N, C-alpha and C. Protein backbone atom coordinates (compact mmCIF):
# COMPACT_ATOMS: atom_id res chain seq x y z
N MET A 1 15.82 0.81 -0.13
CA MET A 1 15.21 -0.10 -1.08
C MET A 1 14.06 0.61 -1.76
N GLN A 2 13.73 0.17 -2.96
CA GLN A 2 12.58 0.73 -3.67
C GLN A 2 11.47 -0.30 -3.75
N ILE A 3 10.24 0.17 -3.47
CA ILE A 3 9.05 -0.65 -3.66
C ILE A 3 8.04 0.20 -4.43
N ARG A 4 7.04 -0.46 -4.99
CA ARG A 4 5.95 0.24 -5.67
C ARG A 4 4.68 0.06 -4.84
N VAL A 5 3.95 1.16 -4.67
CA VAL A 5 2.72 1.14 -3.88
C VAL A 5 1.56 1.61 -4.75
N ALA A 6 0.51 0.79 -4.79
CA ALA A 6 -0.71 1.13 -5.53
C ALA A 6 -1.86 1.20 -4.53
N LEU A 7 -2.61 2.30 -4.60
CA LEU A 7 -3.78 2.50 -3.75
C LEU A 7 -5.02 2.50 -4.62
N PHE A 8 -6.05 1.81 -4.19
CA PHE A 8 -7.24 1.64 -5.01
C PHE A 8 -8.47 2.29 -4.39
N ALA A 9 -9.45 2.57 -5.27
CA ALA A 9 -10.74 3.17 -4.91
C ALA A 9 -10.49 4.50 -4.18
N HIS A 10 -11.23 4.77 -3.11
CA HIS A 10 -11.10 6.07 -2.43
C HIS A 10 -9.74 6.26 -1.77
N LEU A 11 -8.97 5.20 -1.59
CA LEU A 11 -7.64 5.33 -0.97
C LEU A 11 -6.64 6.00 -1.90
N SER A 12 -6.93 6.03 -3.20
CA SER A 12 -5.98 6.61 -4.15
C SER A 12 -5.73 8.09 -3.88
N ARG A 13 -6.63 8.75 -3.19
CA ARG A 13 -6.42 10.18 -2.91
C ARG A 13 -5.30 10.41 -1.89
N PHE A 14 -4.81 9.35 -1.27
CA PHE A 14 -3.72 9.45 -0.29
C PHE A 14 -2.34 9.28 -0.92
N GLN A 15 -2.28 9.23 -2.24
CA GLN A 15 -0.98 9.12 -2.91
C GLN A 15 -0.12 10.32 -2.48
N PRO A 16 1.16 10.10 -2.20
CA PRO A 16 2.00 11.19 -1.70
C PRO A 16 2.23 12.33 -2.69
N ASP A 17 2.04 12.07 -3.96
CA ASP A 17 2.25 13.14 -4.94
C ASP A 17 0.99 13.98 -5.16
N GLY A 18 -0.08 13.65 -4.41
CA GLY A 18 -1.31 14.43 -4.50
C GLY A 18 -2.16 14.11 -5.72
N GLU A 19 -1.69 13.23 -6.58
CA GLU A 19 -2.42 12.85 -7.78
C GLU A 19 -3.22 11.59 -7.49
N ALA A 20 -4.50 11.61 -7.80
CA ALA A 20 -5.32 10.41 -7.63
C ALA A 20 -4.94 9.40 -8.71
N GLY A 21 -5.44 8.21 -8.58
CA GLY A 21 -5.18 7.16 -9.56
C GLY A 21 -4.49 5.98 -8.93
N ARG A 22 -4.75 4.83 -9.49
CA ARG A 22 -4.23 3.60 -8.89
C ARG A 22 -2.87 3.18 -9.43
N GLU A 23 -2.29 3.95 -10.33
CA GLU A 23 -0.96 3.60 -10.84
C GLU A 23 0.02 3.58 -9.69
N PRO A 24 0.86 2.55 -9.61
CA PRO A 24 1.80 2.47 -8.49
C PRO A 24 2.81 3.62 -8.50
N ARG A 25 3.17 4.05 -7.31
CA ARG A 25 4.20 5.06 -7.11
C ARG A 25 5.42 4.36 -6.51
N VAL A 26 6.59 4.81 -6.86
CA VAL A 26 7.83 4.24 -6.33
C VAL A 26 8.16 4.94 -5.01
N PHE A 27 8.45 4.14 -4.00
CA PHE A 27 8.83 4.65 -2.70
C PHE A 27 10.24 4.19 -2.39
N GLU A 28 11.02 5.07 -1.82
CA GLU A 28 12.36 4.74 -1.32
C GLU A 28 12.22 4.56 0.19
N LEU A 29 12.47 3.34 0.68
CA LEU A 29 12.26 3.03 2.09
C LEU A 29 13.48 2.32 2.67
N PRO A 30 13.67 2.41 3.99
CA PRO A 30 14.77 1.68 4.61
C PRO A 30 14.48 0.18 4.63
N GLU A 31 15.53 -0.62 4.59
CA GLU A 31 15.38 -2.07 4.72
C GLU A 31 14.62 -2.38 6.01
N GLY A 32 13.78 -3.40 5.96
CA GLY A 32 13.03 -3.82 7.14
C GLY A 32 11.71 -3.09 7.35
N THR A 33 11.34 -2.21 6.42
CA THR A 33 10.06 -1.50 6.53
C THR A 33 8.91 -2.48 6.39
N THR A 34 7.89 -2.31 7.22
CA THR A 34 6.71 -3.17 7.16
C THR A 34 5.59 -2.50 6.38
N VAL A 35 4.62 -3.32 6.00
CA VAL A 35 3.42 -2.80 5.33
C VAL A 35 2.74 -1.78 6.24
N GLY A 36 2.65 -2.07 7.53
CA GLY A 36 2.02 -1.15 8.47
C GLY A 36 2.71 0.20 8.52
N ALA A 37 4.03 0.22 8.41
CA ALA A 37 4.77 1.48 8.42
C ALA A 37 4.43 2.31 7.17
N VAL A 38 4.25 1.66 6.04
CA VAL A 38 3.87 2.37 4.82
C VAL A 38 2.47 2.95 4.98
N ILE A 39 1.55 2.17 5.52
CA ILE A 39 0.18 2.64 5.75
C ILE A 39 0.19 3.87 6.65
N GLU A 40 0.97 3.81 7.71
CA GLU A 40 1.07 4.93 8.64
C GLU A 40 1.66 6.17 7.95
N SER A 41 2.70 5.98 7.17
CA SER A 41 3.35 7.11 6.51
C SER A 41 2.43 7.79 5.50
N LEU A 42 1.52 7.03 4.91
CA LEU A 42 0.57 7.59 3.94
C LEU A 42 -0.61 8.29 4.61
N GLY A 43 -0.78 8.05 5.91
CA GLY A 43 -1.90 8.67 6.62
C GLY A 43 -3.24 8.08 6.24
N LEU A 44 -3.26 6.78 5.89
CA LEU A 44 -4.52 6.14 5.51
C LEU A 44 -5.47 6.10 6.69
N PRO A 45 -6.77 6.24 6.45
CA PRO A 45 -7.73 6.19 7.54
C PRO A 45 -7.71 4.82 8.23
N ASP A 46 -8.06 4.84 9.50
CA ASP A 46 -8.10 3.61 10.29
C ASP A 46 -9.42 2.90 9.99
N GLU A 47 -9.39 2.10 8.94
CA GLU A 47 -10.57 1.36 8.50
C GLU A 47 -10.10 0.02 7.91
N PRO A 48 -11.00 -0.92 7.76
CA PRO A 48 -10.59 -2.20 7.17
C PRO A 48 -9.99 -2.00 5.79
N ARG A 49 -9.04 -2.85 5.45
CA ARG A 49 -8.41 -2.80 4.12
C ARG A 49 -7.88 -4.19 3.77
N VAL A 50 -7.68 -4.39 2.49
CA VAL A 50 -7.14 -5.65 1.98
C VAL A 50 -5.75 -5.33 1.43
N LEU A 51 -4.76 -6.12 1.84
CA LEU A 51 -3.36 -5.87 1.50
C LEU A 51 -2.79 -7.02 0.68
N PHE A 52 -2.04 -6.66 -0.35
CA PHE A 52 -1.34 -7.66 -1.16
C PHE A 52 0.10 -7.21 -1.37
N VAL A 53 1.03 -8.13 -1.24
CA VAL A 53 2.43 -7.88 -1.61
C VAL A 53 2.75 -8.87 -2.72
N ASN A 54 3.10 -8.34 -3.87
CA ASN A 54 3.41 -9.16 -5.04
C ASN A 54 2.28 -10.13 -5.38
N GLY A 55 1.04 -9.64 -5.24
CA GLY A 55 -0.13 -10.43 -5.61
C GLY A 55 -0.57 -11.46 -4.59
N ARG A 56 0.06 -11.47 -3.42
CA ARG A 56 -0.31 -12.43 -2.37
C ARG A 56 -0.80 -11.67 -1.15
N HIS A 57 -1.85 -12.21 -0.52
CA HIS A 57 -2.42 -11.58 0.67
C HIS A 57 -1.31 -11.35 1.70
N ALA A 58 -1.34 -10.18 2.35
CA ALA A 58 -0.32 -9.82 3.33
C ALA A 58 -0.97 -9.21 4.56
N GLU A 59 -0.20 -9.10 5.61
CA GLU A 59 -0.63 -8.48 6.86
C GLU A 59 0.20 -7.21 7.09
N GLU A 60 -0.23 -6.38 8.01
CA GLU A 60 0.50 -5.14 8.28
C GLU A 60 1.91 -5.40 8.79
N GLY A 61 2.14 -6.54 9.40
CA GLY A 61 3.47 -6.87 9.91
C GLY A 61 4.42 -7.43 8.87
N THR A 62 3.95 -7.63 7.64
CA THR A 62 4.79 -8.16 6.57
C THR A 62 5.94 -7.21 6.29
N VAL A 63 7.17 -7.75 6.28
CA VAL A 63 8.36 -6.95 5.99
C VAL A 63 8.54 -6.91 4.48
N LEU A 64 8.73 -5.71 3.95
CA LEU A 64 8.89 -5.51 2.51
C LEU A 64 10.35 -5.68 2.09
N SER A 65 10.54 -6.06 0.83
CA SER A 65 11.88 -6.26 0.26
C SER A 65 12.01 -5.45 -1.01
N GLU A 66 13.24 -5.22 -1.41
CA GLU A 66 13.55 -4.50 -2.64
C GLU A 66 12.71 -5.03 -3.80
N GLY A 67 12.05 -4.12 -4.52
CA GLY A 67 11.29 -4.49 -5.72
C GLY A 67 9.88 -4.96 -5.46
N ASP A 68 9.45 -5.05 -4.19
CA ASP A 68 8.08 -5.51 -3.90
C ASP A 68 7.06 -4.52 -4.44
N ARG A 69 5.85 -5.05 -4.70
CA ARG A 69 4.70 -4.23 -5.08
C ARG A 69 3.63 -4.42 -4.02
N LEU A 70 3.29 -3.34 -3.33
CA LEU A 70 2.26 -3.33 -2.30
C LEU A 70 1.00 -2.73 -2.89
N ALA A 71 -0.11 -3.45 -2.80
CA ALA A 71 -1.41 -2.97 -3.26
C ALA A 71 -2.34 -2.92 -2.05
N ILE A 72 -3.04 -1.79 -1.91
CA ILE A 72 -3.93 -1.59 -0.78
C ILE A 72 -5.32 -1.25 -1.31
N PHE A 73 -6.30 -2.05 -0.90
CA PHE A 73 -7.69 -1.93 -1.35
C PHE A 73 -8.59 -1.73 -0.14
N PRO A 74 -9.69 -1.00 -0.30
CA PRO A 74 -10.74 -1.07 0.71
C PRO A 74 -11.43 -2.42 0.57
N PRO A 75 -12.15 -2.88 1.58
CA PRO A 75 -12.85 -4.16 1.45
C PRO A 75 -13.84 -4.11 0.29
N VAL A 76 -14.01 -5.24 -0.35
CA VAL A 76 -14.92 -5.35 -1.48
C VAL A 76 -16.08 -6.24 -1.07
N ALA A 77 -17.29 -5.78 -1.38
CA ALA A 77 -18.48 -6.57 -1.08
C ALA A 77 -19.32 -6.62 -2.36
N GLY A 78 -20.10 -7.63 -2.45
CA GLY A 78 -20.95 -7.73 -3.62
C GLY A 78 -21.92 -8.88 -3.46
N GLY A 79 -22.71 -9.05 -4.44
CA GLY A 79 -23.69 -10.11 -4.30
C GLY A 79 -24.04 -10.73 -5.60
């Protein structure tokens, strides 16, 4: 299956093509792949993050489907 993955802020440096930027990259993954498996495959640091699949909050155990868009953000704080 194909999904699109977008990494934001300092996480964008973990894009598999070595190019920074938040533009989504297309990934070819086996059916049943979870968000957590994608995070692991990218080698993202073990730190808090905010996850969205198709614009909706998701957890690492969320199973991805063909055509999904996964967005991964570091936590955002402000005042």
